[in-house]
Amino acid sequence: MKHIIAFGGSNSKNSINKQLAIYAASLIDDAKVTILDLNDFELPIYGIDFEIEHGIPDTAFQFIDHIKSSDGIIISLAEHNGAYSTAFKNLFDWMSRAEQKTFFKKPMLLMATSPGARGGQSVLGMANDRFPRHDAEITGMFSLPSFGTNFQDGKIINEDLNNQLLNQVKQFQDKL
């Protein structure tokens, strides 16, 4: 049985991106899914002075261990001012100090959602450019616009958008 990790790139307790990641993970057949919450991986703000004085925190290594032990990654990134959320960017900075090739050639379904009509497309573009340099094998991308309108009761209610996600999930699953 394949092991998938899924998480939202946000530290919001009610993260819409975490909800989307959980939904996408539920569409994977015959897989063990571990849902990660960035709040469980608290880290100091990255800085070279802190790293020199204290080293890389164990929490960064713990997150990396989840990636290493998985067969694939489902991530839905929150978009803050057109970029990663501070919580995700800080985690990513620490992980890349511990292991430059952070994603270990794991298949990745890359997603984003937002309350607005663009559905996190700016952060998706940024991650699509950056993550392969850290050994992510991006199998597909999905953007869910207008979360409040298109996602209810734990699932996408817009049939066209749901079919788009199902196609991306199938491509992801085929690479596992």
Protein backbone atom coordinates (compact mmCIF):
# COMPACT_ATOMS: atom_id res chain seq x y z
CA MET A 1 0.00 0.00 0.00
CA LYS A 2 1.32 3.44 -0.93
CA HIS A 3 1.82 6.11 1.73
CA ILE A 4 0.77 9.67 0.88
CA ILE A 5 1.30 12.80 2.94
CA ALA A 6 -1.07 15.70 2.46
CA PHE A 7 -1.01 19.19 3.91
CA GLY A 8 -2.05 22.76 3.43
CA GLY A 9 0.68 25.37 3.20
CA SER A 10 -0.88 27.46 5.95
CA ASN A 11 -0.95 27.61 9.72
CA SER A 12 -4.61 28.66 9.84
CA LYS A 13 -6.62 26.39 12.13
CA ASN A 14 -9.41 26.48 9.53
CA SER A 15 -7.16 26.37 6.48
CA ILE A 16 -9.12 26.08 3.26
CA ASN A 17 -5.96 24.72 1.64
CA LYS A 18 -5.71 21.95 4.22
CA GLN A 19 -9.38 21.12 3.51
CA LEU A 20 -8.63 20.89 -0.22
CA ALA A 21 -5.56 18.71 0.42
CA ILE A 22 -7.60 16.36 2.62
CA TYR A 23 -10.29 16.10 -0.06
CA ALA A 24 -7.77 15.38 -2.82
CA ALA A 25 -6.09 12.74 -0.64
CA SER A 26 -9.46 11.07 -0.05
CA LEU A 27 -9.70 10.46 -3.80
CA ILE A 28 -6.58 8.25 -3.84
CA ASP A 29 -7.36 4.54 -4.04
CA ASP A 30 -5.59 2.02 -1.81
CA ALA A 31 -3.28 4.40 0.00
CA LYS A 32 -2.42 5.19 3.58
CA VAL A 33 -2.78 8.96 4.00
CA THR A 34 -1.08 11.02 6.67
CA ILE A 35 -2.45 14.53 7.07
CA LEU A 36 0.16 16.97 8.34
CA ASP A 37 -0.59 20.30 10.03
CA LEU A 38 2.03 23.04 9.91
CA ASN A 39 1.04 24.00 13.46
CA ASP A 40 2.64 20.75 14.62
CA PHE A 41 6.00 21.85 13.20
CA GLU A 42 6.64 25.15 14.91
CA LEU A 43 9.99 26.70 14.03
CA PRO A 44 11.82 29.92 14.82
CA ILE A 45 12.02 32.40 11.96
CA TYR A 46 14.88 31.27 9.74
CA GLY A 47 18.08 33.28 10.05
CA ILE A 48 21.70 32.34 9.46
CA ASP A 49 22.70 33.70 12.88
CA PHE A 50 20.19 31.41 14.59
CA GLU A 51 21.37 28.46 12.50
CA ILE A 52 25.03 29.09 13.38
CA GLU A 53 24.24 29.43 17.09
CA HIS A 54 21.69 26.63 17.48
CA GLY A 55 21.80 24.48 14.36
CA ILE A 56 18.80 23.31 12.40
CA PRO A 57 15.83 22.57 14.67
CA ASP A 58 14.70 18.95 15.00
CA THR A 59 11.25 20.00 13.80
CA ALA A 60 12.60 20.62 10.29
CA PHE A 61 14.12 17.14 10.25
CA GLN A 62 10.82 15.67 11.48
CA PHE A 63 8.96 17.19 8.52
CA ILE A 64 11.66 15.95 6.14
CA ASP A 65 11.27 12.47 7.61
CA HIS A 66 7.57 12.56 6.69
CA ILE A 67 8.52 13.39 3.11
CA LYS A 68 11.21 10.71 2.98
CA SER A 69 8.91 8.01 4.31
CA SER A 70 6.12 8.84 1.85
CA ASP A 71 5.51 7.64 -1.69
CA GLY A 72 3.91 10.93 -2.73
CA ILE A 73 2.98 14.44 -1.60
CA ILE A 74 -0.29 16.33 -1.93
CA ILE A 75 0.11 19.99 -1.07
CA SER A 76 -2.28 22.90 -1.35
CA LEU A 77 -0.53 26.21 -0.89
CA ALA A 78 -2.08 29.25 0.70
CA GLU A 79 -1.37 32.46 -1.15
CA HIS A 80 -0.46 35.52 0.91
CA ASN A 81 0.19 38.64 -1.17
CA GLY A 82 0.92 36.50 -4.22
CA ALA A 83 3.46 34.26 -2.49
CA TYR A 84 3.80 31.42 0.04
CA SER A 85 2.36 31.91 3.51
CA THR A 86 4.99 32.88 6.07
CA ALA A 87 4.49 29.59 7.93
CA PHE A 88 5.17 27.49 4.82
CA LYS A 89 8.06 29.66 3.59
CA ASN A 90 9.78 29.43 6.96
CA LEU A 91 9.38 25.63 7.05
CA PHE A 92 10.63 25.38 3.46
CA ASP A 93 13.66 27.57 4.29
CA TRP A 94 14.60 25.38 7.27
CA MET A 95 14.06 22.15 5.35
CA SER A 96 16.21 23.34 2.45
CA ARG A 97 19.03 24.07 4.90
CA ALA A 98 18.81 20.50 6.19
CA GLU A 99 18.35 18.87 2.75
CA GLN A 100 18.72 21.03 -0.34
CA LYS A 101 16.80 18.54 -2.49
CA THR A 102 13.85 18.74 -0.12
CA PHE A 103 11.30 16.64 -2.00
CA PHE A 104 13.43 13.54 -2.82
CA LYS A 105 11.92 13.00 -6.30
CA LYS A 106 8.55 12.19 -4.77
CA PRO A 107 5.51 12.61 -7.02
CA MET A 108 3.65 15.76 -6.03
CA LEU A 109 0.15 17.01 -6.69
CA LEU A 110 0.49 20.77 -6.37
CA MET A 111 -2.65 22.74 -5.60
CA ALA A 112 -3.92 26.04 -4.26
CA THR A 113 -7.24 27.59 -3.41
CA SER A 114 -8.37 30.99 -2.24
CA PRO A 115 -11.57 32.88 -1.57
CA GLY A 116 -10.97 34.83 -4.79
CA ALA A 117 -11.43 34.06 -8.46
CA ARG A 118 -7.73 33.40 -9.19
CA GLY A 119 -7.52 30.43 -6.81
CA GLY A 120 -3.92 30.98 -5.73
CA GLN A 121 -2.50 30.95 -9.26
CA SER A 122 0.41 33.23 -8.35
CA VAL A 123 1.72 30.93 -5.62
CA LEU A 124 1.18 27.91 -7.89
CA GLY A 125 3.36 29.51 -10.56
CA MET A 126 6.03 30.30 -7.98
CA ALA A 127 6.02 26.74 -6.60
CA ASN A 128 5.92 25.15 -10.06
CA ASP A 129 9.11 27.06 -10.88
CA ARG A 130 10.87 26.47 -7.53
CA PHE A 131 9.93 22.98 -6.33
CA PRO A 132 11.49 20.99 -9.20
CA ARG A 133 14.84 22.57 -8.24
CA HIS A 134 14.33 20.84 -4.90
CA ASP A 135 13.59 17.49 -6.57
CA ALA A 136 9.79 17.61 -6.63
CA GLU A 137 8.26 15.56 -9.42
CA ILE A 138 5.15 17.66 -10.03
CA THR A 139 2.63 15.36 -11.68
CA GLY A 140 -0.04 18.03 -12.02
CA MET A 141 -1.43 21.28 -10.72
CA PHE A 142 -4.90 22.29 -9.68
CA SER A 143 -6.33 25.67 -8.75
CA LEU A 144 -9.71 25.95 -7.02
CA PRO A 145 -11.11 29.47 -7.37
CA SER A 146 -13.75 30.95 -5.07
CA PHE A 147 -13.43 28.34 -2.34
CA GLY A 148 -16.60 29.40 -0.51
CA THR A 149 -18.70 28.95 -3.64
CA ASN A 150 -17.08 25.79 -5.02
CA PHE A 151 -16.30 23.73 -1.89
CA GLN A 152 -18.91 22.64 0.62
CA ASP A 153 -19.33 19.75 3.06
CA GLY A 154 -15.75 18.59 2.53
CA LYS A 155 -15.83 18.36 -1.26
CA ILE A 156 -15.83 20.34 -4.50
CA ILE A 157 -19.43 20.90 -5.59
CA ASN A 158 -18.68 22.39 -9.01
CA GLU A 159 -18.74 19.37 -11.32
CA ASP A 160 -16.32 20.78 -13.91
CA LEU A 161 -13.76 21.74 -11.27
CA ASN A 162 -14.18 18.40 -9.51
CA ASN A 163 -13.54 16.57 -12.79
CA GLN A 164 -10.39 18.65 -13.31
CA LEU A 165 -9.17 17.61 -9.87
CA LEU A 166 -10.06 13.96 -10.52
CA ASN A 167 -7.89 14.06 -13.67
CA GLN A 168 -4.97 15.51 -11.71
CA VAL A 169 -5.40 12.92 -8.95
CA LYS A 170 -5.35 10.12 -11.53
CA GLN A 171 -2.09 11.46 -13.02
CA PHE A 172 -0.62 11.66 -9.51
CA GLN A 173 -1.76 8.16 -8.61
CA ASP A 174 -0.31 6.76 -11.86
CA LYS A 175 3.15 8.07 -10.78
CA LEU A 176 3.07 6.49 -7.34
